[in-house]
N, C-alpha and C. Protein backbone atom coordinates (compact mmCIF):
# COMPACT_ATOMS: atom_id res chain seq x y z
N MET A 1 -26.87 4.06 10.75
CA MET A 1 -25.77 3.23 10.30
C MET A 1 -24.48 3.75 10.93
N GLN A 2 -23.67 2.89 11.50
CA GLN A 2 -22.45 3.27 12.20
C GLN A 2 -21.46 4.02 11.32
N MET A 3 -21.36 3.64 10.05
CA MET A 3 -20.39 4.27 9.16
C MET A 3 -20.62 5.77 9.05
N SER A 4 -21.87 6.18 8.86
CA SER A 4 -22.15 7.61 8.69
C SER A 4 -21.85 8.37 9.97
N ASP A 5 -22.06 7.75 11.14
CA ASP A 5 -21.70 8.41 12.40
C ASP A 5 -20.20 8.66 12.45
N ASP A 6 -19.40 7.66 12.05
CA ASP A 6 -17.95 7.83 12.03
C ASP A 6 -17.54 8.91 11.05
N ILE A 7 -18.19 8.99 9.89
CA ILE A 7 -17.85 10.00 8.89
C ILE A 7 -18.07 11.38 9.46
N GLY A 8 -19.17 11.58 10.16
CA GLY A 8 -19.45 12.88 10.77
C GLY A 8 -18.37 13.27 11.76
N ILE A 9 -17.87 12.30 12.53
CA ILE A 9 -16.82 12.58 13.50
C ILE A 9 -15.56 13.02 12.79
N ILE A 10 -15.21 12.38 11.70
CA ILE A 10 -14.00 12.74 10.96
C ILE A 10 -14.11 14.15 10.42
N GLU A 11 -15.25 14.48 9.82
CA GLU A 11 -15.39 15.81 9.24
C GLU A 11 -15.41 16.89 10.31
N ALA A 12 -15.95 16.57 11.49
CA ALA A 12 -16.01 17.55 12.56
C ALA A 12 -14.65 17.76 13.20
N ASN A 13 -13.80 16.73 13.18
CA ASN A 13 -12.48 16.82 13.78
C ASN A 13 -11.48 17.28 12.72
N THR A 14 -11.32 18.58 12.57
CA THR A 14 -10.44 19.11 11.52
C THR A 14 -8.98 19.04 11.91
N GLU A 15 -8.69 18.64 13.15
CA GLU A 15 -7.30 18.56 13.59
C GLU A 15 -6.55 17.44 12.86
N ILE A 16 -7.22 16.33 12.62
CA ILE A 16 -6.59 15.20 11.93
C ILE A 16 -7.07 15.16 10.50
N ARG A 17 -6.12 15.02 9.58
CA ARG A 17 -6.43 14.95 8.15
C ARG A 17 -5.92 13.62 7.61
N TYR A 18 -6.62 13.13 6.58
CA TYR A 18 -6.25 11.87 5.95
C TYR A 18 -5.96 12.12 4.49
N GLY A 19 -4.99 11.38 3.96
CA GLY A 19 -4.64 11.51 2.56
C GLY A 19 -4.16 10.19 1.99
N CYS A 20 -3.87 10.21 0.70
CA CYS A 20 -3.44 9.00 -0.01
C CYS A 20 -2.39 9.39 -1.04
N ILE A 21 -1.36 8.57 -1.15
CA ILE A 21 -0.28 8.82 -2.10
C ILE A 21 -0.19 7.64 -3.06
N PHE A 22 -0.04 7.96 -4.34
CA PHE A 22 0.28 6.94 -5.33
C PHE A 22 1.79 6.77 -5.34
N CYS A 23 2.24 5.51 -5.42
CA CYS A 23 3.68 5.24 -5.48
C CYS A 23 3.93 4.07 -6.42
N LEU A 24 5.19 3.81 -6.69
CA LEU A 24 5.55 2.66 -7.52
C LEU A 24 5.14 1.37 -6.82
N THR A 25 4.53 0.47 -7.55
CA THR A 25 4.11 -0.81 -6.99
C THR A 25 5.32 -1.56 -6.46
N GLY A 26 5.18 -2.10 -5.26
CA GLY A 26 6.27 -2.82 -4.62
C GLY A 26 7.09 -1.95 -3.68
N HIS A 27 6.84 -0.65 -3.69
CA HIS A 27 7.60 0.27 -2.85
C HIS A 27 6.74 0.93 -1.78
N GLU A 28 5.57 0.37 -1.51
CA GLU A 28 4.63 0.95 -0.56
C GLU A 28 5.24 1.09 0.83
N SER A 29 5.91 0.05 1.31
CA SER A 29 6.48 0.09 2.66
C SER A 29 7.57 1.14 2.79
N SER A 30 8.45 1.22 1.81
CA SER A 30 9.53 2.21 1.89
C SER A 30 8.99 3.64 1.78
N VAL A 31 7.95 3.85 0.98
CA VAL A 31 7.33 5.18 0.88
C VAL A 31 6.69 5.54 2.22
N ALA A 32 5.98 4.59 2.83
CA ALA A 32 5.35 4.84 4.13
C ALA A 32 6.41 5.17 5.19
N GLU A 33 7.51 4.41 5.21
CA GLU A 33 8.58 4.67 6.17
C GLU A 33 9.22 6.04 5.95
N SER A 34 9.45 6.39 4.70
CA SER A 34 10.05 7.70 4.38
C SER A 34 9.13 8.84 4.78
N LEU A 35 7.84 8.68 4.54
CA LEU A 35 6.87 9.70 4.93
C LEU A 35 6.90 9.93 6.44
N GLU A 36 6.89 8.84 7.20
CA GLU A 36 6.91 8.95 8.66
C GLU A 36 8.21 9.57 9.16
N ALA A 37 9.33 9.22 8.52
CA ALA A 37 10.62 9.78 8.93
C ALA A 37 10.72 11.27 8.61
N GLN A 38 10.13 11.68 7.50
CA GLN A 38 10.21 13.07 7.05
C GLN A 38 9.29 13.99 7.86
N THR A 39 8.14 13.48 8.27
CA THR A 39 7.12 14.32 8.90
C THR A 39 6.78 13.78 10.28
N PRO A 40 7.30 14.40 11.34
CA PRO A 40 6.97 13.95 12.70
C PRO A 40 5.46 13.98 12.94
N GLY A 41 4.96 12.91 13.56
CA GLY A 41 3.53 12.83 13.87
C GLY A 41 2.68 12.23 12.77
N LEU A 42 3.22 12.11 11.56
CA LEU A 42 2.49 11.52 10.44
C LEU A 42 2.53 10.01 10.58
N ILE A 43 1.39 9.36 10.34
CA ILE A 43 1.30 7.90 10.33
C ILE A 43 0.94 7.48 8.92
N ALA A 44 1.71 6.57 8.34
CA ALA A 44 1.47 6.11 6.97
C ALA A 44 1.51 4.59 6.91
N THR A 45 0.71 4.03 6.01
CA THR A 45 0.68 2.58 5.86
C THR A 45 0.19 2.17 4.48
N SER A 46 0.66 1.03 4.04
CA SER A 46 0.08 0.38 2.87
C SER A 46 -1.03 -0.52 3.41
N VAL A 47 -1.72 -1.23 2.53
CA VAL A 47 -2.84 -2.07 2.96
C VAL A 47 -2.56 -3.52 2.59
N SER A 48 -2.59 -4.38 3.62
CA SER A 48 -2.42 -5.80 3.37
C SER A 48 -3.56 -6.57 4.04
N GLN A 49 -3.71 -7.80 3.63
CA GLN A 49 -4.78 -8.65 4.15
C GLN A 49 -4.18 -9.93 4.69
N THR A 50 -4.66 -10.36 5.85
CA THR A 50 -4.22 -11.62 6.45
C THR A 50 -4.91 -12.76 5.72
N LYS A 51 -4.09 -13.71 5.25
CA LYS A 51 -4.60 -14.87 4.53
C LYS A 51 -3.89 -16.12 5.02
N VAL A 52 -4.53 -17.25 4.83
CA VAL A 52 -3.92 -18.54 5.13
C VAL A 52 -3.46 -19.13 3.80
N LYS A 53 -2.18 -19.43 3.71
CA LYS A 53 -1.60 -20.02 2.50
C LYS A 53 -1.15 -21.44 2.81
N SER A 54 -1.36 -22.34 1.86
CA SER A 54 -0.89 -23.71 2.00
C SER A 54 0.14 -23.99 0.92
N VAL A 55 1.32 -24.43 1.36
CA VAL A 55 2.38 -24.82 0.44
C VAL A 55 2.79 -26.24 0.81
N GLN A 56 2.61 -27.16 -0.12
CA GLN A 56 2.92 -28.58 0.06
C GLN A 56 2.29 -29.12 1.34
N GLY A 57 1.03 -28.74 1.57
CA GLY A 57 0.27 -29.26 2.70
C GLY A 57 0.53 -28.56 4.02
N VAL A 58 1.44 -27.57 4.04
CA VAL A 58 1.74 -26.84 5.27
C VAL A 58 1.07 -25.48 5.20
N SER A 59 0.18 -25.21 6.16
CA SER A 59 -0.54 -23.94 6.19
C SER A 59 0.22 -22.92 7.02
N SER A 60 0.20 -21.69 6.55
CA SER A 60 0.80 -20.59 7.31
C SER A 60 -0.03 -19.33 7.08
N VAL A 61 0.04 -18.42 8.03
CA VAL A 61 -0.68 -17.16 7.95
C VAL A 61 0.28 -16.11 7.39
N VAL A 62 -0.15 -15.40 6.34
CA VAL A 62 0.68 -14.37 5.72
C VAL A 62 -0.14 -13.09 5.53
N ASN A 63 0.55 -11.97 5.45
CA ASN A 63 -0.09 -10.70 5.10
C ASN A 63 0.29 -10.39 3.66
N GLU A 64 -0.72 -10.22 2.82
CA GLU A 64 -0.52 -10.00 1.39
C GLU A 64 -1.04 -8.62 1.00
N LEU A 65 -0.22 -7.86 0.27
CA LEU A 65 -0.60 -6.52 -0.18
C LEU A 65 -1.84 -6.61 -1.06
N ILE A 66 -2.85 -5.75 -0.78
CA ILE A 66 -4.06 -5.82 -1.60
C ILE A 66 -4.34 -4.53 -2.37
N PHE A 67 -3.69 -3.42 -2.04
CA PHE A 67 -3.85 -2.18 -2.81
C PHE A 67 -2.48 -1.73 -3.29
N PRO A 68 -1.93 -2.41 -4.29
CA PRO A 68 -0.60 -2.03 -4.76
C PRO A 68 -0.59 -0.59 -5.28
N GLY A 69 0.45 0.14 -4.90
CA GLY A 69 0.62 1.51 -5.37
C GLY A 69 -0.07 2.57 -4.54
N TYR A 70 -0.69 2.19 -3.42
CA TYR A 70 -1.38 3.15 -2.56
C TYR A 70 -0.77 3.16 -1.16
N VAL A 71 -0.56 4.36 -0.62
CA VAL A 71 -0.14 4.53 0.77
C VAL A 71 -1.09 5.55 1.39
N TYR A 72 -1.74 5.16 2.47
CA TYR A 72 -2.66 6.05 3.19
C TYR A 72 -1.92 6.67 4.36
N PHE A 73 -2.30 7.90 4.70
CA PHE A 73 -1.64 8.55 5.83
C PHE A 73 -2.60 9.43 6.60
N GLN A 74 -2.19 9.70 7.84
CA GLN A 74 -2.93 10.58 8.75
C GLN A 74 -1.93 11.60 9.29
N THR A 75 -2.35 12.85 9.37
CA THR A 75 -1.47 13.91 9.87
C THR A 75 -2.30 15.01 10.53
N LYS A 76 -1.66 15.76 11.40
CA LYS A 76 -2.30 16.94 12.00
C LYS A 76 -1.91 18.21 11.24
N SER A 77 -1.00 18.07 10.30
CA SER A 77 -0.54 19.22 9.53
C SER A 77 -1.60 19.66 8.52
N GLN A 78 -1.66 20.95 8.28
CA GLN A 78 -2.56 21.46 7.24
C GLN A 78 -1.91 21.38 5.87
N ASN A 79 -0.61 21.15 5.84
CA ASN A 79 0.12 21.08 4.58
C ASN A 79 0.34 19.63 4.18
N PRO A 80 0.28 19.34 2.90
CA PRO A 80 0.52 17.96 2.45
C PRO A 80 2.00 17.61 2.60
N PRO A 81 2.31 16.33 2.67
CA PRO A 81 3.72 15.92 2.73
C PRO A 81 4.46 16.38 1.47
N ASP A 82 5.73 16.70 1.62
CA ASP A 82 6.57 17.12 0.50
C ASP A 82 7.13 15.85 -0.16
N LEU A 83 6.62 15.52 -1.33
CA LEU A 83 7.01 14.26 -2.00
C LEU A 83 8.30 14.36 -2.78
N ARG A 84 8.88 15.57 -2.88
CA ARG A 84 10.12 15.72 -3.65
C ARG A 84 11.24 14.85 -3.09
N TYR A 85 11.19 14.58 -1.79
CA TYR A 85 12.26 13.83 -1.15
C TYR A 85 11.85 12.40 -0.79
N ILE A 86 10.70 11.98 -1.29
CA ILE A 86 10.23 10.62 -1.03
C ILE A 86 10.44 9.80 -2.30
N GLU A 87 11.50 9.00 -2.28
CA GLU A 87 11.83 8.18 -3.44
C GLU A 87 10.69 7.19 -3.72
N ASP A 88 10.40 7.00 -4.97
CA ASP A 88 9.38 6.06 -5.47
C ASP A 88 7.94 6.53 -5.28
N SER A 89 7.74 7.74 -4.74
CA SER A 89 6.38 8.28 -4.69
C SER A 89 6.06 8.89 -6.05
N ILE A 90 4.80 8.88 -6.42
CA ILE A 90 4.39 9.42 -7.72
C ILE A 90 3.67 10.74 -7.54
N ARG A 91 2.56 10.71 -6.79
CA ARG A 91 1.83 11.95 -6.56
C ARG A 91 0.82 11.75 -5.44
N LEU A 92 0.33 12.86 -4.95
CA LEU A 92 -0.70 12.89 -3.93
C LEU A 92 -2.05 12.75 -4.61
N LEU A 93 -2.93 11.94 -4.05
CA LEU A 93 -4.28 11.83 -4.57
C LEU A 93 -5.00 13.14 -4.23
N GLU A 94 -5.60 13.77 -5.22
CA GLU A 94 -6.36 14.99 -5.01
C GLU A 94 -7.84 14.67 -5.13
N THR A 95 -8.61 15.09 -4.12
CA THR A 95 -10.04 14.84 -4.14
C THR A 95 -10.76 15.89 -4.99
N THR A 96 -10.28 17.12 -4.92
CA THR A 96 -10.75 18.20 -5.79
C THR A 96 -9.51 18.98 -6.19
N LYS A 97 -9.66 19.91 -7.09
CA LYS A 97 -8.51 20.69 -7.56
C LYS A 97 -7.76 21.30 -6.38
N ASN A 98 -6.49 20.96 -6.25
CA ASN A 98 -5.59 21.47 -5.21
C ASN A 98 -6.01 21.12 -3.78
N SER A 99 -6.77 20.05 -3.58
CA SER A 99 -7.14 19.61 -2.23
C SER A 99 -6.71 18.16 -2.04
N TRP A 100 -5.82 17.93 -1.11
CA TRP A 100 -5.31 16.59 -0.85
C TRP A 100 -6.03 15.90 0.31
N THR A 101 -6.77 16.64 1.11
CA THR A 101 -7.43 16.09 2.28
C THR A 101 -8.65 15.27 1.87
N LEU A 102 -8.68 14.01 2.28
CA LEU A 102 -9.82 13.15 1.98
C LEU A 102 -11.00 13.56 2.85
N THR A 103 -12.21 13.42 2.32
CA THR A 103 -13.42 13.76 3.06
C THR A 103 -14.44 12.64 2.92
N GLY A 104 -15.50 12.70 3.72
CA GLY A 104 -16.60 11.75 3.62
C GLY A 104 -16.15 10.32 3.75
N MET A 105 -16.68 9.46 2.88
CA MET A 105 -16.38 8.03 2.92
C MET A 105 -14.90 7.76 2.65
N ASP A 106 -14.26 8.58 1.81
CA ASP A 106 -12.83 8.41 1.54
C ASP A 106 -12.02 8.58 2.82
N ALA A 107 -12.34 9.61 3.62
CA ALA A 107 -11.65 9.84 4.89
C ALA A 107 -11.96 8.71 5.87
N TRP A 108 -13.23 8.26 5.89
CA TRP A 108 -13.59 7.16 6.78
C TRP A 108 -12.76 5.92 6.43
N PHE A 109 -12.63 5.61 5.15
CA PHE A 109 -11.87 4.44 4.71
C PHE A 109 -10.40 4.56 5.11
N ALA A 110 -9.79 5.73 4.88
CA ALA A 110 -8.39 5.94 5.25
C ALA A 110 -8.21 5.80 6.76
N LYS A 111 -9.13 6.36 7.54
CA LYS A 111 -9.06 6.26 9.00
C LYS A 111 -9.19 4.80 9.42
N TRP A 112 -10.11 4.08 8.80
CA TRP A 112 -10.31 2.67 9.11
C TRP A 112 -9.03 1.87 8.85
N ILE A 113 -8.38 2.15 7.72
CA ILE A 113 -7.12 1.48 7.38
C ILE A 113 -6.04 1.81 8.41
N ILE A 114 -5.90 3.09 8.76
CA ILE A 114 -4.90 3.51 9.75
C ILE A 114 -5.20 2.87 11.10
N ASP A 115 -6.48 2.86 11.52
CA ASP A 115 -6.86 2.27 12.80
C ASP A 115 -6.53 0.78 12.86
N HIS A 116 -6.51 0.11 11.71
CA HIS A 116 -6.16 -1.31 11.64
C HIS A 116 -4.68 -1.52 11.32
N HIS A 117 -3.90 -0.46 11.42
CA HIS A 117 -2.45 -0.51 11.17
C HIS A 117 -2.11 -1.09 9.80
N GLY A 118 -3.01 -0.87 8.84
CA GLY A 118 -2.79 -1.30 7.47
C GLY A 118 -3.03 -2.77 7.22
N VAL A 119 -3.46 -3.51 8.24
CA VAL A 119 -3.66 -4.96 8.09
C VAL A 119 -5.13 -5.28 8.29
N ILE A 120 -5.75 -5.84 7.26
CA ILE A 120 -7.14 -6.28 7.36
C ILE A 120 -7.10 -7.76 7.73
N GLY A 121 -7.47 -8.04 8.96
CA GLY A 121 -7.39 -9.39 9.48
C GLY A 121 -8.54 -10.28 9.04
N MET A 122 -8.54 -11.48 9.60
CA MET A 122 -9.59 -12.45 9.32
C MET A 122 -10.78 -12.17 10.22
N SER A 123 -11.97 -12.37 9.68
CA SER A 123 -13.19 -12.21 10.46
C SER A 123 -13.58 -13.56 11.05
N LYS A 124 -14.45 -13.50 12.05
CA LYS A 124 -15.00 -14.71 12.67
C LYS A 124 -16.46 -14.83 12.28
N ALA A 125 -16.90 -16.06 12.05
CA ALA A 125 -18.29 -16.30 11.65
C ALA A 125 -18.78 -17.60 12.28
N VAL A 126 -20.10 -17.73 12.32
CA VAL A 126 -20.73 -18.98 12.76
C VAL A 126 -21.73 -19.40 11.69
N ARG A 127 -21.93 -20.70 11.59
CA ARG A 127 -22.91 -21.21 10.63
C ARG A 127 -24.21 -21.45 11.38
N ILE A 128 -25.28 -20.87 10.84
CA ILE A 128 -26.63 -21.05 11.40
C ILE A 128 -27.48 -21.62 10.28
N ASP A 129 -27.78 -22.92 10.39
CA ASP A 129 -28.48 -23.65 9.33
C ASP A 129 -27.72 -23.48 8.02
N LYS A 130 -28.35 -22.89 7.00
CA LYS A 130 -27.70 -22.68 5.70
C LYS A 130 -27.00 -21.33 5.62
N TRP A 131 -27.10 -20.51 6.66
CA TRP A 131 -26.57 -19.15 6.64
C TRP A 131 -25.24 -19.06 7.37
N VAL A 132 -24.47 -18.06 7.01
CA VAL A 132 -23.24 -17.73 7.71
C VAL A 132 -23.45 -16.36 8.34
N GLU A 133 -23.25 -16.27 9.65
CA GLU A 133 -23.38 -15.00 10.36
C GLU A 133 -21.99 -14.53 10.77
N ILE A 134 -21.59 -13.37 10.27
CA ILE A 134 -20.30 -12.77 10.61
C ILE A 134 -20.46 -12.15 12.00
N ILE A 135 -19.58 -12.53 12.94
CA ILE A 135 -19.75 -12.06 14.32
C ILE A 135 -18.68 -11.07 14.77
N SER A 136 -17.53 -11.03 14.08
CA SER A 136 -16.50 -10.07 14.47
C SER A 136 -15.50 -9.89 13.33
N GLY A 137 -14.68 -8.86 13.44
CA GLY A 137 -13.64 -8.61 12.45
C GLY A 137 -14.06 -7.63 11.37
N PRO A 138 -13.22 -7.47 10.36
CA PRO A 138 -13.48 -6.50 9.30
C PRO A 138 -14.80 -6.69 8.57
N LEU A 139 -15.18 -7.93 8.29
CA LEU A 139 -16.46 -8.15 7.61
C LEU A 139 -17.63 -7.70 8.48
N HIS A 140 -17.51 -7.88 9.78
CA HIS A 140 -18.57 -7.42 10.68
C HIS A 140 -18.64 -5.89 10.67
N GLU A 141 -17.49 -5.23 10.69
CA GLU A 141 -17.44 -3.77 10.67
C GLU A 141 -17.96 -3.20 9.35
N LEU A 142 -17.79 -3.96 8.28
CA LEU A 142 -18.19 -3.50 6.95
C LEU A 142 -19.49 -4.16 6.47
N LYS A 143 -20.26 -4.69 7.38
CA LYS A 143 -21.47 -5.45 7.04
C LYS A 143 -22.38 -4.75 6.02
N PRO A 144 -22.60 -3.42 6.11
CA PRO A 144 -23.49 -2.79 5.12
C PRO A 144 -22.95 -2.84 3.69
N TYR A 145 -21.67 -3.13 3.53
CA TYR A 145 -21.05 -3.10 2.21
C TYR A 145 -20.79 -4.50 1.65
N ILE A 146 -21.21 -5.55 2.35
CA ILE A 146 -21.03 -6.92 1.85
C ILE A 146 -22.04 -7.17 0.73
N ARG A 147 -21.55 -7.62 -0.41
CA ARG A 147 -22.42 -7.93 -1.55
C ARG A 147 -22.64 -9.42 -1.72
N ILE A 148 -21.59 -10.22 -1.46
CA ILE A 148 -21.67 -11.67 -1.66
C ILE A 148 -20.93 -12.35 -0.51
N VAL A 149 -21.48 -13.45 -0.01
CA VAL A 149 -20.77 -14.30 0.94
C VAL A 149 -20.57 -15.66 0.27
N ASP A 150 -19.32 -16.03 0.06
CA ASP A 150 -18.96 -17.30 -0.56
C ASP A 150 -18.67 -18.30 0.55
N LYS A 151 -19.64 -19.18 0.83
CA LYS A 151 -19.50 -20.14 1.93
C LYS A 151 -18.43 -21.18 1.64
N HIS A 152 -18.26 -21.54 0.38
CA HIS A 152 -17.28 -22.57 0.02
C HIS A 152 -15.85 -22.08 0.27
N ARG A 153 -15.54 -20.87 -0.17
CA ARG A 153 -14.18 -20.32 -0.01
C ARG A 153 -14.02 -19.50 1.26
N ARG A 154 -15.09 -19.38 2.03
CA ARG A 154 -15.10 -18.64 3.29
C ARG A 154 -14.56 -17.22 3.13
N ARG A 155 -15.29 -16.46 2.32
CA ARG A 155 -14.91 -15.07 2.09
C ARG A 155 -16.15 -14.26 1.73
N GLY A 156 -16.03 -12.96 1.91
CA GLY A 156 -17.13 -12.06 1.56
C GLY A 156 -16.63 -10.96 0.66
N LEU A 157 -17.43 -10.60 -0.33
CA LEU A 157 -17.08 -9.50 -1.23
C LEU A 157 -17.63 -8.20 -0.65
N VAL A 158 -16.71 -7.28 -0.37
CA VAL A 158 -17.07 -5.97 0.16
C VAL A 158 -16.87 -4.96 -0.97
N VAL A 159 -17.86 -4.10 -1.19
CA VAL A 159 -17.76 -3.06 -2.21
C VAL A 159 -17.86 -1.71 -1.50
N LEU A 160 -16.75 -0.97 -1.52
CA LEU A 160 -16.68 0.33 -0.85
C LEU A 160 -16.52 1.44 -1.87
N PRO A 161 -17.20 2.57 -1.65
CA PRO A 161 -16.95 3.72 -2.52
C PRO A 161 -15.64 4.39 -2.08
N PHE A 162 -14.72 4.62 -3.02
CA PHE A 162 -13.49 5.35 -2.74
C PHE A 162 -13.08 6.13 -3.97
N HIS A 163 -12.91 7.42 -3.81
CA HIS A 163 -12.46 8.33 -4.86
C HIS A 163 -13.33 8.19 -6.12
N ASN A 164 -14.63 8.27 -5.92
CA ASN A 164 -15.62 8.24 -7.00
C ASN A 164 -15.62 6.95 -7.81
N ARG A 165 -15.20 5.85 -7.19
CA ARG A 165 -15.30 4.56 -7.85
C ARG A 165 -15.54 3.49 -6.80
N GLU A 166 -15.85 2.30 -7.24
CA GLU A 166 -16.07 1.19 -6.31
C GLU A 166 -14.79 0.39 -6.14
N VAL A 167 -14.44 0.14 -4.89
CA VAL A 167 -13.30 -0.71 -4.57
C VAL A 167 -13.87 -2.04 -4.08
N ARG A 168 -13.50 -3.12 -4.76
CA ARG A 168 -14.00 -4.45 -4.41
C ARG A 168 -12.88 -5.22 -3.72
N ILE A 169 -13.22 -5.77 -2.54
CA ILE A 169 -12.24 -6.51 -1.75
C ILE A 169 -12.90 -7.80 -1.29
N TRP A 170 -12.22 -8.93 -1.53
CA TRP A 170 -12.67 -10.20 -0.97
C TRP A 170 -11.97 -10.36 0.37
N LEU A 171 -12.75 -10.47 1.45
CA LEU A 171 -12.19 -10.61 2.79
C LEU A 171 -12.53 -11.99 3.34
N LYS A 172 -11.56 -12.62 3.98
CA LYS A 172 -11.70 -13.98 4.48
C LYS A 172 -12.36 -13.99 5.86
N TYR A 173 -13.01 -15.13 6.16
CA TYR A 173 -13.53 -15.36 7.50
C TYR A 173 -13.25 -16.80 7.90
N GLU A 174 -13.22 -17.02 9.20
CA GLU A 174 -13.05 -18.35 9.77
C GLU A 174 -14.33 -18.73 10.50
N LEU A 175 -14.70 -19.99 10.41
CA LEU A 175 -15.87 -20.47 11.17
C LEU A 175 -15.44 -20.86 12.56
N GLU A 176 -16.24 -20.48 13.53
CA GLU A 176 -15.95 -20.85 14.94
C GLU A 176 -16.64 -22.14 15.26
């Protein structure tokens, strides 16, 4: 499975570390910007999803926040960011007592979010008889974690393990 191969790479590469910060809901972008400004080389992002919204018959593509209160980051530093000077931050997510560095699937998920610049885009799919085959995009990358495909609403339910719990995300797809 591709995911486990990526996890092994993350754990073997100790130069880059991944972490997560809890912050006040609605302040994810400013916390991410402050983190990056405070720590050279640190990359931080909130998580949003690309969706198509229709208002009075006019469709537009928007990015909507899907993990309120969470900011993921990547750094080469062995020390966690100093949150005393980051307004609206609450605390660093700790995976074990006094350890802020994410490992295993948690690190893979944070890396995946950072690699996508915090934006989970739309997937592409094709209809084959009664089935929908996801051919590219986030749903394709997360195929082992898809639990339900809703053909009517054109979305798939992805269930990912994160911080000892299940994170459920409905991700959209477009038919080609």
